Amino acid sequence: MPTAYVLLNCDLGSEGDILKKIKQVPEVIEVTHVSGVYDIIVRISSDNMDKLREIIKLNIKKIDKVRSTITMVVTDGQGQKK
């Protein structure tokens, strides 16, 4: 199952509203407000890679006050505990 981490930069003070909107996306596994270079980290998973890209493009990147994103796709089988 394709999984990705999406790192978001948001307009100052908009993190709470953005978190609420992202939590409404069914494919979102986890969303966390963080401090540092990025404001929010999202872990998302979908049935296939095309759907995953579509969700990121249409449901996350287009949220009002999201300034920029970086997406990191998880490589299958890497880093899993045995």
N, C-alpha and C. Protein backbone atom coordinates (compact mmCIF):
# COMPACT_ATOMS: atom_id res chain seq x y z
N MET A 1 0.85 -1.17 0.00
CA MET A 1 0.00 0.00 0.00
C MET A 1 0.90 1.24 0.00
N PRO A 2 0.83 2.07 -1.03
CA PRO A 2 1.68 3.26 -1.09
C PRO A 2 1.42 4.22 0.07
N THR A 3 2.51 4.69 0.65
CA THR A 3 2.45 5.61 1.78
C THR A 3 3.41 6.76 1.51
N ALA A 4 3.05 7.94 1.99
CA ALA A 4 3.92 9.10 1.83
C ALA A 4 3.82 9.99 3.06
N TYR A 5 4.88 10.75 3.27
CA TYR A 5 4.90 11.81 4.28
C TYR A 5 4.88 13.13 3.51
N VAL A 6 4.01 14.03 3.93
CA VAL A 6 3.92 15.34 3.29
C VAL A 6 4.23 16.38 4.36
N LEU A 7 5.24 17.21 4.08
CA LEU A 7 5.65 18.27 5.00
C LEU A 7 5.08 19.58 4.47
N LEU A 8 4.42 20.33 5.33
CA LEU A 8 3.75 21.56 4.91
C LEU A 8 4.32 22.78 5.60
N ASN A 9 4.43 23.86 4.83
CA ASN A 9 4.66 25.19 5.37
C ASN A 9 3.34 25.94 5.23
N CYS A 10 2.92 26.61 6.31
CA CYS A 10 1.62 27.27 6.34
C CYS A 10 1.79 28.75 6.68
N ASP A 11 0.76 29.52 6.32
CA ASP A 11 0.74 30.91 6.77
C ASP A 11 0.68 30.92 8.30
N LEU A 12 1.36 31.87 8.90
CA LEU A 12 1.42 31.99 10.36
C LEU A 12 0.02 32.06 10.95
N GLY A 13 -0.24 31.20 11.92
CA GLY A 13 -1.52 31.20 12.62
C GLY A 13 -2.62 30.36 11.98
N SER A 14 -2.35 29.78 10.83
CA SER A 14 -3.37 29.01 10.12
C SER A 14 -3.29 27.50 10.39
N GLU A 15 -2.33 27.08 11.19
CA GLU A 15 -2.09 25.65 11.39
C GLU A 15 -3.31 24.90 11.92
N GLY A 16 -4.02 25.48 12.86
CA GLY A 16 -5.19 24.81 13.45
C GLY A 16 -6.27 24.51 12.42
N ASP A 17 -6.58 25.49 11.59
CA ASP A 17 -7.60 25.29 10.55
C ASP A 17 -7.14 24.25 9.53
N ILE A 18 -5.88 24.30 9.16
CA ILE A 18 -5.35 23.35 8.19
C ILE A 18 -5.38 21.93 8.78
N LEU A 19 -5.00 21.77 10.04
CA LEU A 19 -5.06 20.46 10.70
C LEU A 19 -6.47 19.88 10.64
N LYS A 20 -7.47 20.70 10.93
CA LYS A 20 -8.86 20.24 10.90
C LYS A 20 -9.25 19.74 9.51
N LYS A 21 -8.86 20.48 8.49
CA LYS A 21 -9.20 20.09 7.12
C LYS A 21 -8.49 18.80 6.71
N ILE A 22 -7.24 18.67 7.09
CA ILE A 22 -6.48 17.46 6.71
C ILE A 22 -7.05 16.24 7.43
N LYS A 23 -7.49 16.38 8.67
CA LYS A 23 -8.06 15.26 9.42
C LYS A 23 -9.32 14.71 8.77
N GLN A 24 -9.97 15.50 7.94
CA GLN A 24 -11.19 15.07 7.25
C GLN A 24 -10.90 14.18 6.04
N VAL A 25 -9.65 14.12 5.58
CA VAL A 25 -9.28 13.30 4.43
C VAL A 25 -9.16 11.85 4.92
N PRO A 26 -9.99 10.94 4.40
CA PRO A 26 -10.02 9.56 4.92
C PRO A 26 -8.68 8.82 4.83
N GLU A 27 -7.88 9.12 3.85
CA GLU A 27 -6.63 8.40 3.64
C GLU A 27 -5.50 8.87 4.56
N VAL A 28 -5.72 9.94 5.30
CA VAL A 28 -4.71 10.44 6.23
C VAL A 28 -4.63 9.51 7.44
N ILE A 29 -3.43 9.02 7.69
CA ILE A 29 -3.19 8.11 8.82
C ILE A 29 -2.85 8.91 10.07
N GLU A 30 -2.05 9.96 9.88
CA GLU A 30 -1.58 10.75 11.01
C GLU A 30 -1.28 12.16 10.52
N VAL A 31 -1.58 13.14 11.36
CA VAL A 31 -1.24 14.52 11.06
C VAL A 31 -0.77 15.16 12.36
N THR A 32 0.38 15.85 12.29
CA THR A 32 1.00 16.40 13.49
C THR A 32 1.49 17.82 13.25
N HIS A 33 1.20 18.70 14.19
CA HIS A 33 1.74 20.07 14.16
C HIS A 33 3.12 20.01 14.80
N VAL A 34 4.12 20.52 14.12
CA VAL A 34 5.50 20.48 14.61
C VAL A 34 6.11 21.87 14.59
N SER A 35 7.23 22.03 15.29
CA SER A 35 7.97 23.29 15.21
C SER A 35 9.26 23.03 14.44
N GLY A 36 9.77 24.06 13.83
CA GLY A 36 10.98 23.93 13.05
C GLY A 36 10.77 24.47 11.64
N VAL A 37 11.44 23.88 10.69
CA VAL A 37 11.38 24.34 9.30
C VAL A 37 9.98 24.16 8.73
N TYR A 38 9.30 23.07 9.10
CA TYR A 38 7.94 22.80 8.61
C TYR A 38 6.95 22.97 9.75
N ASP A 39 5.68 23.15 9.38
CA ASP A 39 4.63 23.39 10.37
C ASP A 39 3.78 22.16 10.66
N ILE A 40 3.56 21.35 9.63
CA ILE A 40 2.70 20.18 9.76
C ILE A 40 3.32 19.02 9.00
N ILE A 41 3.23 17.81 9.59
CA ILE A 41 3.65 16.60 8.90
C ILE A 41 2.43 15.69 8.79
N VAL A 42 2.20 15.18 7.58
CA VAL A 42 1.06 14.31 7.30
C VAL A 42 1.58 12.96 6.82
N ARG A 43 1.03 11.89 7.37
CA ARG A 43 1.31 10.55 6.84
C ARG A 43 0.02 10.09 6.17
N ILE A 44 0.13 9.68 4.91
CA ILE A 44 -1.03 9.34 4.11
C ILE A 44 -0.78 8.04 3.37
N SER A 45 -1.83 7.26 3.20
CA SER A 45 -1.70 5.98 2.51
C SER A 45 -2.92 5.76 1.63
N SER A 46 -2.73 5.05 0.52
CA SER A 46 -3.81 4.82 -0.42
C SER A 46 -3.64 3.47 -1.10
N ASP A 47 -4.66 3.06 -1.84
CA ASP A 47 -4.65 1.77 -2.53
C ASP A 47 -3.60 1.69 -3.63
N ASN A 48 -3.36 2.82 -4.31
CA ASN A 48 -2.38 2.83 -5.40
C ASN A 48 -1.71 4.19 -5.50
N MET A 49 -0.61 4.23 -6.20
CA MET A 49 0.20 5.44 -6.29
C MET A 49 -0.53 6.59 -6.98
N ASP A 50 -1.30 6.30 -8.02
CA ASP A 50 -2.03 7.36 -8.71
C ASP A 50 -3.03 8.04 -7.79
N LYS A 51 -3.75 7.25 -7.01
CA LYS A 51 -4.72 7.82 -6.07
C LYS A 51 -4.01 8.61 -4.98
N LEU A 52 -2.87 8.12 -4.52
CA LEU A 52 -2.10 8.83 -3.51
C LEU A 52 -1.68 10.21 -4.03
N ARG A 53 -1.16 10.25 -5.24
CA ARG A 53 -0.77 11.55 -5.83
C ARG A 53 -1.96 12.49 -5.97
N GLU A 54 -3.09 11.94 -6.38
CA GLU A 54 -4.29 12.75 -6.56
C GLU A 54 -4.76 13.35 -5.24
N ILE A 55 -4.75 12.55 -4.18
CA ILE A 55 -5.17 13.03 -2.86
C ILE A 55 -4.26 14.15 -2.38
N ILE A 56 -2.96 13.96 -2.55
CA ILE A 56 -2.01 14.99 -2.13
C ILE A 56 -2.22 16.26 -2.93
N LYS A 57 -2.39 16.12 -4.23
CA LYS A 57 -2.55 17.29 -5.11
C LYS A 57 -3.86 18.02 -4.88
N LEU A 58 -4.96 17.27 -4.76
CA LEU A 58 -6.27 17.91 -4.69
C LEU A 58 -6.78 18.17 -3.27
N ASN A 59 -6.36 17.35 -2.30
CA ASN A 59 -6.91 17.48 -0.96
C ASN A 59 -5.96 18.09 0.06
N ILE A 60 -4.69 18.18 -0.25
CA ILE A 60 -3.75 18.75 0.72
C ILE A 60 -3.11 20.02 0.17
N LYS A 61 -2.50 19.94 -1.00
CA LYS A 61 -1.81 21.11 -1.55
C LYS A 61 -2.73 22.29 -1.82
N LYS A 62 -4.00 22.03 -2.07
CA LYS A 62 -4.92 23.11 -2.43
C LYS A 62 -5.65 23.72 -1.24
N ILE A 63 -5.31 23.27 -0.03
CA ILE A 63 -5.93 23.87 1.16
C ILE A 63 -5.45 25.31 1.27
N ASP A 64 -6.40 26.19 1.51
CA ASP A 64 -6.09 27.61 1.65
C ASP A 64 -5.06 27.83 2.76
N LYS A 65 -4.08 28.64 2.51
CA LYS A 65 -3.02 29.05 3.43
C LYS A 65 -1.90 28.02 3.59
N VAL A 66 -1.91 26.96 2.76
CA VAL A 66 -0.76 26.07 2.67
C VAL A 66 0.19 26.75 1.68
N ARG A 67 1.37 27.13 2.15
CA ARG A 67 2.30 27.88 1.32
C ARG A 67 3.15 26.98 0.43
N SER A 68 3.60 25.86 0.97
CA SER A 68 4.42 24.93 0.18
C SER A 68 4.38 23.56 0.81
N THR A 69 4.74 22.55 0.00
CA THR A 69 4.77 21.18 0.50
C THR A 69 5.99 20.46 -0.06
N ILE A 70 6.40 19.45 0.65
CA ILE A 70 7.41 18.49 0.17
C ILE A 70 6.83 17.12 0.45
N THR A 71 6.84 16.26 -0.56
CA THR A 71 6.31 14.91 -0.41
C THR A 71 7.44 13.91 -0.48
N MET A 72 7.43 12.98 0.47
CA MET A 72 8.42 11.90 0.50
C MET A 72 7.66 10.58 0.47
N VAL A 73 7.84 9.82 -0.61
CA VAL A 73 7.16 8.54 -0.76
C VAL A 73 7.99 7.47 -0.08
N VAL A 74 7.33 6.64 0.72
CA VAL A 74 7.99 5.56 1.44
C VAL A 74 8.35 4.46 0.45
N THR A 75 9.60 3.99 0.52
CA THR A 75 10.07 2.88 -0.31
C THR A 75 9.64 1.59 0.35
N ASP A 76 8.95 0.73 -0.39
CA ASP A 76 8.43 -0.53 0.17
C ASP A 76 9.50 -1.34 0.86
N GLY A 77 9.18 -1.81 2.06
CA GLY A 77 10.04 -2.72 2.78
C GLY A 77 11.21 -2.09 3.52
N GLN A 78 11.40 -0.81 3.39
CA GLN A 78 12.51 -0.15 4.04
C GLN A 78 12.12 0.32 5.44
N GLY A 79 12.98 0.04 6.40
CA GLY A 79 12.79 0.56 7.74
C GLY A 79 11.73 -0.12 8.57
N GLN A 80 11.17 -1.21 8.10
CA GLN A 80 10.16 -1.90 8.87
C GLN A 80 10.80 -2.84 9.88
N LYS A 81 10.20 -2.94 11.06
CA LYS A 81 10.68 -3.87 12.06
C LYS A 81 10.29 -5.28 11.65
N LYS A 82 11.14 -6.21 11.99
CA LYS A 82 10.82 -7.61 11.65
C LYS A 82 10.31 -8.34 12.85
